[in-house]
Amino acid sequence: MPDVTKTATAVEDAVALPADVTAPAKQEKARSLWGDAWVDLRRNPYFIVASVLIFFLLLVAVFPSFFTSASPTKGDLVKHFLGKPELASVGSEGWLGYDGQGRSVYARLIYGTRASIIVGVTVTAIVTLVGGVMGMLAGYFGGWIDALLSRLTDIFFGIPFLLGAMVVLQSFVERTVWVVVFALAFLGWTQMARVMRGAVITVKQADYVHAAKALGAGTTRILLRHILPNAMAPVIVVATIALGGYISAEATLSYLGLGLAAPTVSWGVDISTGVDQIRVAQHILLYPSIMLSITVLAFIMLGEAVRNALDPKLR
């Protein structure tokens, strides 16, 4: 008679599964929208290039004395602007030549970064805050609040941006950096308000928002904990791209003589000055224009990379 115990053991060994199959599979931690976006951004070469450029520009704006020891405002008429730039002396006072007043073009290029970065970042922060709050209130509450805020937005949106900024700046005797920031922010919040309103209208229909209301969550908690984090993605994309536009707008106003003015050092001011000598000394106009273009392009590239990472339809 066969041994029953040995037979059962043999059957168990025959049908036994490998240890790696029977062991529970290790589950990967689910990533949020922002986590997926960060993974995509790290693989995007445009994001890497734009981030390096912006980081360098921030270093130049915060620590300009690390890049040049020359003064951007001190002129020496002996150093005529018709003299050729000393391109072989990288980083020297005369590396990129001198302007009509004998001031170092390279030094003014370095110190002009600060004004452009301050204007761009500050205006973007203000319009995102103001436009975001108004758009969130209009989109969430609807009704007469939405109608009132939307009509107010339409009124400001109907004013041409640069033309309106010129009118506002003309009312100030002294046009400093903060005056330019006020003029641009006063008219630039409408786009953010519209983007935020549309995003909030979409998000407030989600099941988790209805669940929060059913559980008795207050309006403030719903707005800050549920609505705002899930409606910020399109606002961040628009704000990043718009930042470069505000830097370009500041340079345009300064070029027209309605923005920043001397003694403030600005790329727009230098471009305006360089136009008068464009036939005999192109370097005065060329280098600030290149720096302005690189800066605007860096922020546009960053905004495009963020948009591609946050929009699931583009993945």
C-alpha atoms as a PDB file:
ATOM      1  CA  MET A   1       0.000   0.000   0.000  1.00  0.00           C
ATOM      2  CA  PRO A   2       1.550   3.374  -1.011  1.00  0.00           C
ATOM      3  CA  ASP A   3       2.581   5.856   1.639  1.00  0.00           C
ATOM      4  CA  VAL A   4      -0.172   8.489   1.671  1.00  0.00           C
ATOM      5  CA  THR A   5       1.993  11.086   3.399  1.00  0.00           C
ATOM      6  CA  LYS A   6       4.772  10.883   0.807  1.00  0.00           C
ATOM      7  CA  THR A   7       2.240  11.029  -2.038  1.00  0.00           C
ATOM      8  CA  ALA A   8       0.623  14.194  -0.653  1.00  0.00           C
ATOM      9  CA  THR A   9       4.010  15.790  -0.199  1.00  0.00           C
ATOM     10  CA  ALA A  10       4.974  15.009  -3.778  1.00  0.00           C
ATOM     11  CA  VAL A  11       1.732  16.511  -5.092  1.00  0.00           C
ATOM     12  CA  GLU A  12       2.294  19.690  -3.062  1.00  0.00           C
ATOM     13  CA  ASP A  13       5.846  19.996  -4.407  1.00  0.00           C
ATOM     14  CA  ALA A  14       4.599  19.504  -7.948  1.00  0.00           C
ATOM     15  CA  VAL A  15       1.995  22.241  -7.778  1.00  0.00           C
ATOM     16  CA  ALA A  16       3.973  24.605  -5.572  1.00  0.00           C
ATOM     17  CA  LEU A  17       4.484  27.968  -7.191  1.00  0.00           C
ATOM     18  CA  PRO A  18       7.844  29.755  -7.236  1.00  0.00           C
ATOM     19  CA  ALA A  19       8.546  32.019  -4.297  1.00  0.00           C
ATOM     20  CA  ASP A  20       8.648  35.146  -6.491  1.00  0.00           C
ATOM     21  CA  VAL A  21       5.164  34.355  -7.799  1.00  0.00           C
ATOM     22  CA  THR A  22       3.517  33.618  -4.460  1.00  0.00           C
ATOM     23  CA  ALA A  23       5.073  36.681  -2.808  1.00  0.00           C
ATOM     24  CA  PRO A  24       2.845  39.729  -3.025  1.00  0.00           C
ATOM     25  CA  ALA A  25       4.002  42.142  -5.713  1.00  0.00           C
ATOM     26  CA  LYS A  26       5.426  45.385  -4.417  1.00  0.00           C
ATOM     27  CA  GLN A  27       3.081  48.145  -5.428  1.00  0.00           C
ATOM     28  CA  GLU A  28       4.513  51.380  -6.738  1.00  0.00           C
ATOM     29  CA  LYS A  29       3.479  54.508  -4.920  1.00  0.00           C
ATOM     30  CA  ALA A  30       0.863  56.378  -6.918  1.00  0.00           C
ATOM     31  CA  ARG A  31       2.046  59.769  -8.123  1.00  0.00           C
ATOM     32  CA  SER A  32      -0.072  62.891  -8.236  1.00  0.00           C
ATOM     33  CA  LEU A  33      -0.407  65.207 -11.212  1.00  0.00           C
ATOM     34  CA  TRP A  34       2.459  67.309  -9.890  1.00  0.00           C
ATOM     35  CA  GLY A  35       4.601  64.206  -9.338  1.00  0.00           C
ATOM     36  CA  ASP A  36       4.030  63.030 -12.911  1.00  0.00           C
ATOM     37  CA  ALA A  37       4.731  66.538 -14.162  1.00  0.00           C
ATOM     38  CA  TRP A  38       8.046  66.693 -12.313  1.00  0.00           C
ATOM     39  CA  VAL A  39       9.124  63.350 -13.789  1.00  0.00           C
ATOM     40  CA  ASP A  40       8.283  64.595 -17.290  1.00  0.00           C
ATOM     41  CA  LEU A  41      10.040  67.921 -16.725  1.00  0.00           C
ATOM     42  CA  ARG A  42      13.290  66.263 -15.692  1.00  0.00           C
ATOM     43  CA  ARG A  43      13.303  64.414 -19.005  1.00  0.00           C
ATOM     44  CA  ASN A  44      12.514  67.481 -21.101  1.00  0.00           C
ATOM     45  CA  PRO A  45      15.646  69.104 -22.612  1.00  0.00           C
ATOM     46  CA  TYR A  46      13.800  72.415 -23.090  1.00  0.00           C
ATOM     47  CA  PHE A  47      13.062  72.557 -19.369  1.00  0.00           C
ATOM     48  CA  ILE A  48      16.689  71.840 -18.493  1.00  0.00           C
ATOM     49  CA  VAL A  49      18.065  74.487 -20.869  1.00  0.00           C
ATOM     50  CA  ALA A  50      15.503  77.084 -19.753  1.00  0.00           C
ATOM     51  CA  SER A  51      16.139  76.351 -16.067  1.00  0.00           C
ATOM     52  CA  VAL A  52      19.904  76.759 -16.482  1.00  0.00           C
ATOM     53  CA  LEU A  53      19.455  80.066 -18.322  1.00  0.00           C
ATOM     54  CA  ILE A  54      16.985  81.412 -15.757  1.00  0.00           C
ATOM     55  CA  PHE A  55      19.187  80.322 -12.851  1.00  0.00           C
ATOM     56  CA  PHE A  56      22.118  82.152 -14.435  1.00  0.00           C
ATOM     57  CA  LEU A  57      20.008  85.274 -14.979  1.00  0.00           C
ATOM     58  CA  LEU A  58      18.897  85.203 -11.341  1.00  0.00           C
ATOM     59  CA  LEU A  59      22.512  84.961 -10.215  1.00  0.00           C
ATOM     60  CA  VAL A  60      23.415  87.945 -12.390  1.00  0.00           C
ATOM     61  CA  ALA A  61      20.458  89.954 -11.074  1.00  0.00           C
ATOM     62  CA  VAL A  62      21.195  89.222  -7.407  1.00  0.00           C
ATOM     63  CA  PHE A  63      25.010  89.348  -7.521  1.00  0.00           C
ATOM     64  CA  PRO A  64      26.003  91.619 -10.440  1.00  0.00           C
ATOM     65  CA  SER A  65      29.301  92.582  -8.792  1.00  0.00           C
ATOM     66  CA  PHE A  66      30.457  88.960  -9.109  1.00  0.00           C
ATOM     67  CA  PHE A  67      30.440  89.281 -12.896  1.00  0.00           C
ATOM     68  CA  THR A  68      31.947  92.751 -13.354  1.00  0.00           C
ATOM     69  CA  SER A  69      33.763  95.320 -11.248  1.00  0.00           C
ATOM     70  CA  ALA A  70      32.979  98.183 -13.638  1.00  0.00           C
ATOM     71  CA  SER A  71      30.369 100.813 -12.863  1.00  0.00           C
ATOM     72  CA  PRO A  72      27.321 100.875 -15.156  1.00  0.00           C
ATOM     73  CA  THR A  73      26.737 104.603 -14.628  1.00  0.00           C
ATOM     74  CA  LYS A  74      30.257 106.057 -14.525  1.00  0.00           C
ATOM     75  CA  GLY A  75      31.272 107.352 -17.944  1.00  0.00           C
ATOM     76  CA  ASP A  76      34.627 108.315 -19.396  1.00  0.00           C
ATOM     77  CA  LEU A  77      34.423 110.382 -22.567  1.00  0.00           C
ATOM     78  CA  VAL A  78      37.996 109.439 -23.424  1.00  0.00           C
ATOM     79  CA  LYS A  79      36.688 105.941 -24.181  1.00  0.00           C
ATOM     80  CA  HIS A  80      34.824 106.821 -27.346  1.00  0.00           C
ATOM     81  CA  PHE A  81      31.921 104.646 -28.439  1.00  0.00           C
ATOM     82  CA  LEU A  82      33.417 104.350 -31.918  1.00  0.00           C
ATOM     83  CA  GLY A  83      36.218 102.245 -30.480  1.00  0.00           C
ATOM     84  CA  LYS A  84      35.903  98.561 -31.283  1.00  0.00           C
ATOM     85  CA  PRO A  85      34.878  96.167 -28.461  1.00  0.00           C
ATOM     86  CA  GLU A  86      37.779  94.287 -26.853  1.00  0.00           C
ATOM     87  CA  LEU A  87      36.341  90.852 -27.590  1.00  0.00           C
ATOM     88  CA  ALA A  88      39.572  89.114 -26.623  1.00  0.00           C
ATOM     89  CA  SER A  89      39.382  90.493 -23.054  1.00  0.00           C
ATOM     90  CA  VAL A  90      36.453  88.420 -21.823  1.00  0.00           C
ATOM     91  CA  GLY A  91      34.761  89.966 -18.777  1.00  0.00           C
ATOM     92  CA  SER A  92      36.759  93.183 -18.866  1.00  0.00           C
ATOM     93  CA  GLU A  93      35.254  96.655 -18.765  1.00  0.00           C
ATOM     94  CA  GLY A  94      35.716  97.178 -22.487  1.00  0.00           C
ATOM     95  CA  TRP A  95      34.817  93.606 -23.521  1.00  0.00           C
ATOM     96  CA  LEU A  96      31.655  94.688 -25.351  1.00  0.00           C
ATOM     97  CA  GLY A  97      32.741  98.266 -25.987  1.00  0.00           C
ATOM     98  CA  TYR A  98      31.414 101.584 -24.650  1.00  0.00           C
ATOM     99  CA  ASP A  99      28.340 103.712 -25.312  1.00  0.00           C
ATOM    100  CA  GLY A 100      28.127 107.367 -26.290  1.00  0.00           C
ATOM    101  CA  GLN A 101      28.920 108.529 -22.742  1.00  0.00           C
ATOM    102  CA  GLY A 102      31.885 106.207 -22.295  1.00  0.00           C
ATOM    103  CA  ARG A 103      30.037 103.740 -20.076  1.00  0.00           C
ATOM    104  CA  SER A 104      30.835 100.046 -20.227  1.00  0.00           C
ATOM    105  CA  VAL A 105      28.248  98.191 -22.326  1.00  0.00           C
ATOM    106  CA  TYR A 106      29.095  94.943 -20.538  1.00  0.00           C
ATOM    107  CA  ALA A 107      28.576  96.491 -17.087  1.00  0.00           C
ATOM    108  CA  ARG A 108      25.241  97.970 -18.139  1.00  0.00           C
ATOM    109  CA  LEU A 109      24.264  94.618 -19.616  1.00  0.00           C
ATOM    110  CA  ILE A 110      24.937  92.900 -16.277  1.00  0.00           C
ATOM    111  CA  TYR A 111      23.262  95.491 -14.066  1.00  0.00           C
ATOM    112  CA  GLY A 112      20.312  95.855 -16.456  1.00  0.00           C
ATOM    113  CA  THR A 113      19.366  92.244 -15.708  1.00  0.00           C
ATOM    114  CA  ARG A 114      18.177  93.228 -12.238  1.00  0.00           C
ATOM    115  CA  ALA A 115      15.553  95.709 -13.441  1.00  0.00           C
ATOM    116  CA  SER A 116      14.131  93.311 -16.015  1.00  0.00           C
ATOM    117  CA  ILE A 117      13.957  90.363 -13.603  1.00  0.00           C
ATOM    118  CA  ILE A 118      12.390  92.475 -10.837  1.00  0.00           C
ATOM    119  CA  VAL A 119       9.734  93.819 -13.188  1.00  0.00           C
ATOM    120  CA  GLY A 120       8.927  90.431 -14.694  1.00  0.00           C
ATOM    121  CA  VAL A 121       8.776  88.446 -11.450  1.00  0.00           C
ATOM    122  CA  THR A 122       6.948  91.105  -9.423  1.00  0.00           C
ATOM    123  CA  VAL A 123       4.319  91.824 -12.065  1.00  0.00           C
ATOM    124  CA  THR A 124       3.724  88.092 -12.554  1.00  0.00           C
ATOM    125  CA  ALA A 125       3.294  87.553  -8.806  1.00  0.00           C
ATOM    126  CA  ILE A 126       0.835  90.451  -8.472  1.00  0.00           C
ATOM    127  CA  VAL A 127      -1.316  89.572 -11.483  1.00  0.00           C
ATOM    128  CA  THR A 128      -1.382  85.895 -10.467  1.00  0.00           C
ATOM    129  CA  LEU A 129      -2.521  86.789  -6.963  1.00  0.00           C
ATOM    130  CA  VAL A 130      -5.115  89.405  -7.958  1.00  0.00           C
ATOM    131  CA  GLY A 131      -6.382  87.619 -11.045  1.00  0.00           C
ATOM    132  CA  GLY A 132      -6.359  84.252  -9.288  1.00  0.00           C
ATOM    133  CA  VAL A 133      -8.473  85.490  -6.364  1.00  0.00           C
ATOM    134  CA  MET A 134     -10.999  87.240  -8.604  1.00  0.00           C
ATOM    135  CA  GLY A 135     -11.241  84.312 -10.986  1.00  0.00           C
ATOM    136  CA  MET A 136     -11.638  81.818  -8.143  1.00  0.00           C
ATOM    137  CA  LEU A 137     -14.436  83.804  -6.513  1.00  0.00           C
ATOM    138  CA  ALA A 138     -16.235  84.322  -9.829  1.00  0.00           C
ATOM    139  CA  GLY A 139     -15.959  80.691 -10.864  1.00  0.00           C
ATOM    140  CA  TYR A 140     -16.926  79.170  -7.511  1.00  0.00           C
ATOM    141  CA  PHE A 141     -19.829  81.350  -6.431  1.00  0.00           C
ATOM    142  CA  GLY A 142     -21.291  82.173  -9.851  1.00  0.00           C
ATOM    143  CA  GLY A 143     -24.488  84.225  -9.962  1.00  0.00           C
ATOM    144  CA  TRP A 144     -24.252  87.967  -9.472  1.00  0.00           C
ATOM    145  CA  ILE A 145     -20.686  87.707  -8.120  1.00  0.00           C
ATOM    146  CA  ASP A 146     -19.569  86.044 -11.340  1.00  0.00           C
ATOM    147  CA  ALA A 147     -21.483  88.576 -13.437  1.00  0.00           C
ATOM    148  CA  LEU A 148     -19.990  91.558 -11.576  1.00  0.00           C
ATOM    149  CA  LEU A 149     -16.380  90.327 -11.609  1.00  0.00           C
ATOM    150  CA  SER A 150     -16.639  89.133 -15.203  1.00  0.00           C
ATOM    151  CA  ARG A 151     -17.901  92.516 -16.415  1.00  0.00           C
ATOM    152  CA  LEU A 152     -15.117  94.255 -14.490  1.00  0.00           C
ATOM    153  CA  THR A 153     -12.613  91.922 -16.118  1.00  0.00           C
ATOM    154  CA  ASP A 154     -14.088  92.648 -19.556  1.00  0.00           C
ATOM    155  CA  ILE A 155     -13.707  96.399 -18.998  1.00  0.00           C
ATOM    156  CA  PHE A 156      -9.996  96.096 -18.207  1.00  0.00           C
ATOM    157  CA  PHE A 157      -9.501  93.453 -20.879  1.00  0.00           C
ATOM    158  CA  GLY A 158     -10.838  95.864 -23.496  1.00  0.00           C
ATOM    159  CA  ILE A 159      -8.046  98.373 -22.797  1.00  0.00           C
ATOM    160  CA  PRO A 160      -5.016  97.804 -25.086  1.00  0.00           C
ATOM    161  CA  PHE A 161      -2.230  96.636 -22.819  1.00  0.00           C
ATOM    162  CA  LEU A 162       0.703  98.759 -23.989  1.00  0.00           C
ATOM    163  CA  LEU A 163      -1.435 101.787 -24.781  1.00  0.00           C
ATOM    164  CA  GLY A 164      -3.046 101.642 -21.347  1.00  0.00           C
ATOM    165  CA  ALA A 165       0.353 101.256 -19.691  1.00  0.00           C
ATOM    166  CA  MET A 166       1.597 104.345 -21.543  1.00  0.00           C
ATOM    167  CA  VAL A 167      -1.349 106.384 -20.285  1.00  0.00           C
ATOM    168  CA  VAL A 168      -0.811 105.212 -16.709  1.00  0.00           C
ATOM    169  CA  LEU A 169       2.930 105.911 -16.820  1.00  0.00           C
ATOM    170  CA  GLN A 170       2.378 109.387 -18.244  1.00  0.00           C
ATOM    171  CA  SER A 171       0.596 110.365 -15.035  1.00  0.00           C
ATOM    172  CA  PHE A 172       3.796 109.831 -12.989  1.00  0.00           C
ATOM    173  CA  VAL A 173       6.579 112.389 -12.915  1.00  0.00           C
ATOM    174  CA  GLU A 174       9.251 109.880 -11.865  1.00  0.00           C
ATOM    175  CA  ARG A 175       9.070 106.451 -13.495  1.00  0.00           C
ATOM    176  CA  THR A 176      10.923 104.030 -11.251  1.00  0.00           C
ATOM    177  CA  VAL A 177      10.899 100.236 -11.338  1.00  0.00           C
ATOM    178  CA  TRP A 178       7.929 100.070  -8.967  1.00  0.00           C
ATOM    179  CA  VAL A 179       5.932 102.566 -11.008  1.00  0.00           C
ATOM    180  CA  VAL A 180       6.420 100.392 -14.093  1.00  0.00           C
ATOM    181  CA  VAL A 181       5.438  97.315 -12.050  1.00  0.00           C
ATOM    182  CA  PHE A 182       2.225  99.055 -10.964  1.00  0.00           C
ATOM    183  CA  ALA A 183       1.343 100.103 -14.518  1.00  0.00           C
ATOM    184  CA  LEU A 184       1.826  96.612 -15.944  1.00  0.00           C
ATOM    185  CA  ALA A 185       0.070  94.849 -13.068  1.00  0.00           C
ATOM    186  CA  PHE A 186      -2.849  97.292 -13.160  1.00  0.00           C
ATOM    187  CA  LEU A 187      -3.757  96.069 -16.647  1.00  0.00           C
ATOM    188  CA  GLY A 188      -2.295  92.556 -16.736  1.00  0.00           C
ATOM    189  CA  TRP A 189      -4.432  90.648 -14.223  1.00  0.00           C
ATOM    190  CA  THR A 190      -7.382  90.062 -16.568  1.00  0.00           C
ATOM    191  CA  GLN A 191      -5.883  87.075 -18.375  1.00  0.00           C
ATOM    192  CA  MET A 192      -5.149  85.287 -15.092  1.00  0.00           C
ATOM    193  CA  ALA A 193      -8.683  85.963 -13.872  1.00  0.00           C
ATOM    194  CA  ARG A 194     -10.202  84.364 -16.968  1.00  0.00           C
ATOM    195  CA  VAL A 195      -7.928  81.329 -16.832  1.00  0.00           C
ATOM    196  CA  MET A 196      -8.595  80.772 -13.126  1.00  0.00           C
ATOM    197  CA  ARG A 197     -12.357  81.215 -13.538  1.00  0.00           C
ATOM    198  CA  GLY A 198     -12.508  78.570 -16.246  1.00  0.00           C
ATOM    199  CA  ALA A 199     -10.391  76.141 -14.233  1.00  0.00           C
ATOM    200  CA  VAL A 200     -12.489  76.616 -11.079  1.00  0.00           C
ATOM    201  CA  ILE A 201     -15.755  76.066 -12.963  1.00  0.00           C
ATOM    202  CA  THR A 202     -14.368  72.722 -14.162  1.00  0.00           C
ATOM    203  CA  VAL A 203     -12.934  71.640 -10.815  1.00  0.00           C
ATOM    204  CA  LYS A 204     -15.975  72.496  -8.687  1.00  0.00           C
ATOM    205  CA  GLN A 205     -18.007  69.863 -10.550  1.00  0.00           C
ATOM    206  CA  ALA A 206     -15.676  67.093  -9.331  1.00  0.00           C
ATOM    207  CA  ASP A 207     -16.963  64.403  -6.961  1.00  0.00           C
ATOM    208  CA  TYR A 208     -14.445  65.214  -4.220  1.00  0.00           C
ATOM    209  CA  VAL A 209     -15.756  68.777  -4.029  1.00  0.00           C
ATOM    210  CA  HIS A 210     -19.347  67.540  -3.673  1.00  0.00           C
ATOM    211  CA  ALA A 211     -18.171  65.063  -1.041  1.00  0.00           C
ATOM    212  CA  ALA A 212     -16.453  67.826   0.928  1.00  0.00           C
ATOM    213  CA  LYS A 213     -19.656  69.871   0.857  1.00  0.00           C
ATOM    214  CA  ALA A 214     -21.694  66.865   2.006  1.00  0.00           C
ATOM    215  CA  LEU A 215     -19.325  66.341   4.940  1.00  0.00           C
ATOM    216  CA  GLY A 216     -19.896  69.930   6.047  1.00  0.00           C
ATOM    217  CA  ALA A 217     -16.585  71.503   4.974  1.00  0.00           C
ATOM    218  CA  GLY A 218     -16.612  75.307   4.984  1.00  0.00           C
ATOM    219  CA  THR A 219     -16.239  77.477   1.909  1.00  0.00           C
ATOM    220  CA  THR A 220     -12.731  78.603   2.819  1.00  0.00           C
ATOM    221  CA  ARG A 221     -11.537  75.038   3.347  1.00  0.00           C
ATOM    222  CA  ILE A 222     -13.055  73.873   0.065  1.00  0.00           C
ATOM    223  CA  LEU A 223     -11.472  76.747  -1.851  1.00  0.00           C
ATOM    224  CA  LEU A 224      -8.004  76.365  -0.323  1.00  0.00           C
ATOM    225  CA  ARG A 225      -7.786  72.591   0.091  1.00  0.00           C
ATOM    226  CA  HIS A 226      -9.742  71.269  -2.879  1.00  0.00           C
ATOM    227  CA  ILE A 227     -10.353  73.954  -5.505  1.00  0.00           C
ATOM    228  CA  LEU A 228      -7.097  75.912  -5.544  1.00  0.00           C
ATOM    229  CA  PRO A 229      -4.558  73.020  -5.755  1.00  0.00           C
ATOM    230  CA  ASN A 230      -6.455  71.407  -8.621  1.00  0.00           C
ATOM    231  CA  ALA A 231      -7.060  74.639 -10.554  1.00  0.00           C
ATOM    232  CA  MET A 232      -3.522  76.039 -10.386  1.00  0.00           C
ATOM    233  CA  ALA A 233      -1.989  74.044 -13.248  1.00  0.00           C
ATOM    234  CA  PRO A 234      -3.235  76.227 -16.157  1.00  0.00           C
ATOM    235  CA  VAL A 235      -2.548  79.388 -14.150  1.00  0.00           C
ATOM    236  CA  ILE A 236       1.078  78.382 -13.570  1.00  0.00           C
ATOM    237  CA  VAL A 237       1.536  77.694 -17.274  1.00  0.00           C
ATOM    238  CA  VAL A 238       0.087  81.067 -18.318  1.00  0.00           C
ATOM    239  CA  ALA A 239       2.039  82.918 -15.612  1.00  0.00           C
ATOM    240  CA  THR A 240       5.353  81.374 -16.668  1.00  0.00           C
ATOM    241  CA  ILE A 241       4.865  82.303 -20.311  1.00  0.00           C
ATOM    242  CA  ALA A 242       3.509  85.764 -19.428  1.00  0.00           C
ATOM    243  CA  LEU A 243       6.593  86.550 -17.329  1.00  0.00           C
ATOM    244  CA  GLY A 244       8.705  86.813 -20.450  1.00  0.00           C
ATOM    245  CA  GLY A 245       6.033  89.017 -22.000  1.00  0.00           C
ATOM    246  CA  TYR A 246       6.170  91.449 -19.080  1.00  0.00           C
ATOM    247  CA  ILE A 247       9.956  91.717 -19.411  1.00  0.00           C
ATOM    248  CA  SER A 248       9.493  92.466 -23.104  1.00  0.00           C
ATOM    249  CA  ALA A 249       6.766  95.031 -22.306  1.00  0.00           C
ATOM    250  CA  GLU A 250       9.061  96.841 -19.858  1.00  0.00           C
ATOM    251  CA  ALA A 251      11.808  97.019 -22.482  1.00  0.00           C
ATOM    252  CA  THR A 252       9.320  98.280 -25.077  1.00  0.00           C
ATOM    253  CA  LEU A 253       8.062 101.045 -22.793  1.00  0.00           C
ATOM    254  CA  SER A 254      11.616 102.040 -21.872  1.00  0.00           C
ATOM    255  CA  TYR A 255      12.572 102.094 -25.549  1.00  0.00           C
ATOM    256  CA  LEU A 256       9.672 104.451 -26.256  1.00  0.00           C
ATOM    257  CA  GLY A 257      10.808 106.720 -23.411  1.00  0.00           C
ATOM    258  CA  LEU A 258       7.737 105.975 -21.286  1.00  0.00           C
ATOM    259  CA  GLY A 259       9.145 103.276 -19.036  1.00  0.00           C
ATOM    260  CA  LEU A 260      12.315 103.262 -16.972  1.00  0.00           C
ATOM    261  CA  ALA A 261      14.573 106.254 -17.379  1.00  0.00           C
ATOM    262  CA  ALA A 262      18.105 107.206 -16.382  1.00  0.00           C
ATOM    263  CA  PRO A 263      19.774 106.777 -13.964  1.00  0.00           C
ATOM    264  CA  THR A 264      18.012 103.384 -13.812  1.00  0.00           C
ATOM    265  CA  VAL A 265      19.987 100.809 -15.806  1.00  0.00           C
ATOM    266  CA  SER A 266      17.745  98.868 -18.163  1.00  0.00           C
ATOM    267  CA  TRP A 267      18.091  96.962 -21.402  1.00  0.00           C
ATOM    268  CA  GLY A 268      15.224  98.947 -22.886  1.00  0.00           C
ATOM    269  CA  VAL A 269      16.966 102.223 -22.074  1.00  0.00           C
ATOM    270  CA  ASP A 270      20.190 100.984 -23.679  1.00  0.00           C
ATOM    271  CA  ILE A 271      18.341  99.791 -26.786  1.00  0.00           C
ATOM    272  CA  SER A 272      16.741 103.225 -27.094  1.00  0.00           C
ATOM    273  CA  THR A 273      20.159 104.861 -26.729  1.00  0.00           C
ATOM    274  CA  GLY A 274      21.747 102.496 -29.226  1.00  0.00           C
ATOM    275  CA  VAL A 275      19.291 103.366 -31.980  1.00  0.00           C
ATOM    276  CA  ASP A 276      20.889 106.814 -32.361  1.00  0.00           C
ATOM    277  CA  GLN A 277      24.304 105.245 -33.094  1.00  0.00           C
ATOM    278  CA  ILE A 278      23.124 102.178 -34.997  1.00  0.00           C
ATOM    279  CA  ARG A 279      24.995 103.171 -38.181  1.00  0.00           C
ATOM    280  CA  VAL A 280      28.371 103.709 -36.531  1.00  0.00           C
ATOM    281  CA  ALA A 281      28.298 101.613 -33.329  1.00  0.00           C
ATOM    282  CA  GLN A 282      25.974  98.646 -33.665  1.00  0.00           C
ATOM    283  CA  HIS A 283      27.263  96.974 -30.497  1.00  0.00           C
ATOM    284  CA  ILE A 284      25.403  99.459 -28.276  1.00  0.00           C
ATOM    285  CA  LEU A 285      22.087  98.176 -29.650  1.00  0.00           C
ATOM    286  CA  LEU A 286      23.097  94.590 -30.433  1.00  0.00           C
ATOM    287  CA  TYR A 287      24.098  93.188 -27.036  1.00  0.00           C
ATOM    288  CA  PRO A 288      21.122  94.430 -24.965  1.00  0.00           C
ATOM    289  CA  SER A 289      18.801  93.140 -27.698  1.00  0.00           C
ATOM    290  CA  ILE A 290      20.420  89.706 -27.610  1.00  0.00           C
ATOM    291  CA  MET A 291      20.229  89.562 -23.818  1.00  0.00           C
ATOM    292  CA  LEU A 292      16.565  90.580 -23.859  1.00  0.00           C
ATOM    293  CA  SER A 293      15.727  87.979 -26.501  1.00  0.00           C
ATOM    294  CA  ILE A 294      17.503  85.193 -24.596  1.00  0.00           C
ATOM    295  CA  THR A 295      15.689  86.089 -21.377  1.00  0.00           C
ATOM    296  CA  VAL A 296      12.238  86.166 -22.961  1.00  0.00           C
ATOM    297  CA  LEU A 297      12.957  82.948 -24.855  1.00  0.00           C
ATOM    298  CA  ALA A 298      14.066  81.193 -21.652  1.00  0.00           C
ATOM    299  CA  PHE A 299      10.788  81.935 -19.877  1.00  0.00           C
ATOM    300  CA  ILE A 300       8.718  80.988 -22.926  1.00  0.00           C
ATOM    301  CA  MET A 301      10.584  77.666 -23.180  1.00  0.00           C
ATOM    302  CA  LEU A 302       9.997  77.061 -19.477  1.00  0.00           C
ATOM    303  CA  GLY A 303       6.297  77.794 -19.848  1.00  0.00           C
ATOM    304  CA  GLU A 304       5.968  75.469 -22.829  1.00  0.00           C
ATOM    305  CA  ALA A 305       7.728  72.672 -20.949  1.00  0.00           C
ATOM    306  CA  VAL A 306       5.459  73.132 -17.932  1.00  0.00           C
ATOM    307  CA  ARG A 307       2.389  73.183 -20.181  1.00  0.00           C
ATOM    308  CA  ASN A 308       3.381  69.916 -21.855  1.00  0.00           C
ATOM    309  CA  ALA A 309       4.009  68.291 -18.459  1.00  0.00           C
ATOM    310  CA  LEU A 310       0.763  69.424 -16.837  1.00  0.00           C
ATOM    311  CA  ASP A 311      -1.561  68.763 -19.765  1.00  0.00           C
ATOM    312  CA  PRO A 312      -2.351  65.011 -19.930  1.00  0.00           C
ATOM    313  CA  LYS A 313      -3.574  65.373 -23.520  1.00  0.00           C
ATOM    314  CA  LEU A 314      -0.052  66.298 -24.675  1.00  0.00           C
ATOM    315  CA  ARG A 315       1.710  63.326 -23.074  1.00  0.00           C
END
